[in-house]
Amino acid sequence: MDFLLGLLSVLPIAIFNKAVIKLVPKINPALTLGVVMVMLFGTAAITIIWAVGVGRSVTDNNGFLLGLAAALAMNMGGKILHLLQNPIED
């Protein structure tokens, strides 16, 4: 069950990244790397907040952290697939 609690963190991370990706066409193309950094630090902040907030109520810490790692891996795979299918054009 703790693994699923960690894996559930993929929902707020995916919503955050989808919102940031929707902002990409509206900004200057010179700031595209800044958007990537916002996604990186935003994902890290959401993961840390999730780990601290939900982590206090878990019993199996290793399963919870494995779920967090799986959520981050799925998030990265989703971003890569999304950007391969919808490339950012200048």
Protein backbone atom coordinates (compact mmCIF):
# COMPACT_ATOMS: atom_id res chain seq x y z
CA MET A 1 0.00 0.00 0.00
CA ASP A 2 2.89 2.35 0.72
CA PHE A 3 4.20 1.76 -2.80
CA LEU A 4 0.87 2.99 -4.17
CA LEU A 5 1.02 6.09 -1.94
CA GLY A 6 4.40 6.91 -3.45
CA LEU A 7 3.18 6.14 -6.95
CA LEU A 8 0.16 8.40 -6.46
CA SER A 9 2.51 11.39 -6.48
CA VAL A 10 2.55 11.13 -10.27
CA LEU A 11 -0.81 12.95 -10.40
CA PRO A 12 0.22 16.37 -9.04
CA ILE A 13 3.55 16.14 -10.87
CA ALA A 14 1.83 15.42 -14.20
CA ILE A 15 -0.69 18.23 -13.71
CA PHE A 16 2.12 20.68 -12.90
CA ASN A 17 4.18 19.67 -15.93
CA LYS A 18 1.16 19.82 -18.24
CA ALA A 19 0.48 23.38 -17.06
CA VAL A 20 4.10 24.39 -17.66
CA ILE A 21 4.14 22.79 -21.13
CA LYS A 22 0.99 24.77 -22.05
CA LEU A 23 2.89 27.97 -21.22
CA VAL A 24 5.80 27.18 -23.58
CA PRO A 25 4.26 28.65 -26.78
CA LYS A 26 3.51 31.92 -24.96
CA ILE A 27 7.07 32.71 -23.89
CA ASN A 28 10.17 33.92 -25.70
CA PRO A 29 12.06 31.03 -27.41
CA ALA A 30 15.26 32.23 -25.74
CA LEU A 31 13.78 31.28 -22.36
CA THR A 32 12.99 27.65 -23.24
CA LEU A 33 15.79 26.36 -21.02
CA GLY A 34 14.27 28.34 -18.17
CA VAL A 35 11.01 26.43 -18.63
CA VAL A 36 12.92 23.17 -18.36
CA MET A 37 14.48 24.37 -15.10
CA VAL A 38 11.05 25.41 -13.78
CA MET A 39 9.78 21.90 -14.56
CA LEU A 40 12.82 20.33 -12.88
CA PHE A 41 12.64 22.38 -9.69
CA GLY A 42 8.83 22.25 -9.57
CA THR A 43 8.89 18.46 -9.84
CA ALA A 44 11.53 18.30 -7.12
CA ALA A 45 9.51 20.59 -4.85
CA ILE A 46 6.31 18.58 -5.34
CA THR A 47 8.17 15.32 -4.67
CA ILE A 48 9.80 16.65 -1.50
CA ILE A 49 6.51 18.05 -0.21
CA TRP A 50 4.81 14.73 -0.99
CA ALA A 51 7.57 12.70 0.69
CA VAL A 52 7.52 14.83 3.84
CA GLY A 53 3.74 15.19 4.02
CA VAL A 54 2.67 11.64 3.23
CA GLY A 55 5.88 9.98 4.38
CA ARG A 56 4.98 10.38 8.05
CA SER A 57 2.03 8.02 7.72
CA VAL A 58 3.76 5.16 5.89
CA THR A 59 4.96 1.98 7.54
CA ASP A 60 7.18 0.61 4.76
CA ASN A 61 9.56 3.44 3.93
CA ASN A 62 11.42 1.49 1.23
CA GLY A 63 8.20 0.72 -0.65
CA PHE A 64 7.12 4.35 -0.42
CA LEU A 65 10.42 5.61 -1.79
CA LEU A 66 10.30 2.99 -4.55
CA GLY A 67 6.83 4.30 -5.48
CA LEU A 68 8.19 7.86 -5.58
CA ALA A 69 11.03 6.72 -7.83
CA ALA A 70 8.58 4.92 -10.14
CA ALA A 71 6.40 8.04 -10.29
CA LEU A 72 9.39 10.19 -11.24
CA ALA A 73 10.47 7.68 -13.90
CA MET A 74 6.97 7.56 -15.39
CA ASN A 75 6.82 11.36 -15.32
CA MET A 76 10.11 11.64 -17.18
CA GLY A 77 9.02 9.05 -19.73
CA GLY A 78 5.75 10.90 -20.24
CA LYS A 79 7.53 14.22 -20.78
CA ILE A 80 9.92 12.64 -23.28
CA LEU A 81 7.09 10.99 -25.23
CA HIS A 82 5.02 14.19 -25.20
CA LEU A 83 7.89 16.31 -26.48
CA LEU A 84 8.78 13.74 -29.15
CA GLN A 85 5.22 13.74 -30.44
CA ASN A 86 4.76 17.53 -30.09
CA PRO A 87 8.14 19.20 -30.62
CA ILE A 88 8.62 22.79 -29.55
CA GLU A 89 8.95 24.89 -32.69
CA ASP A 90 10.71 28.25 -32.81
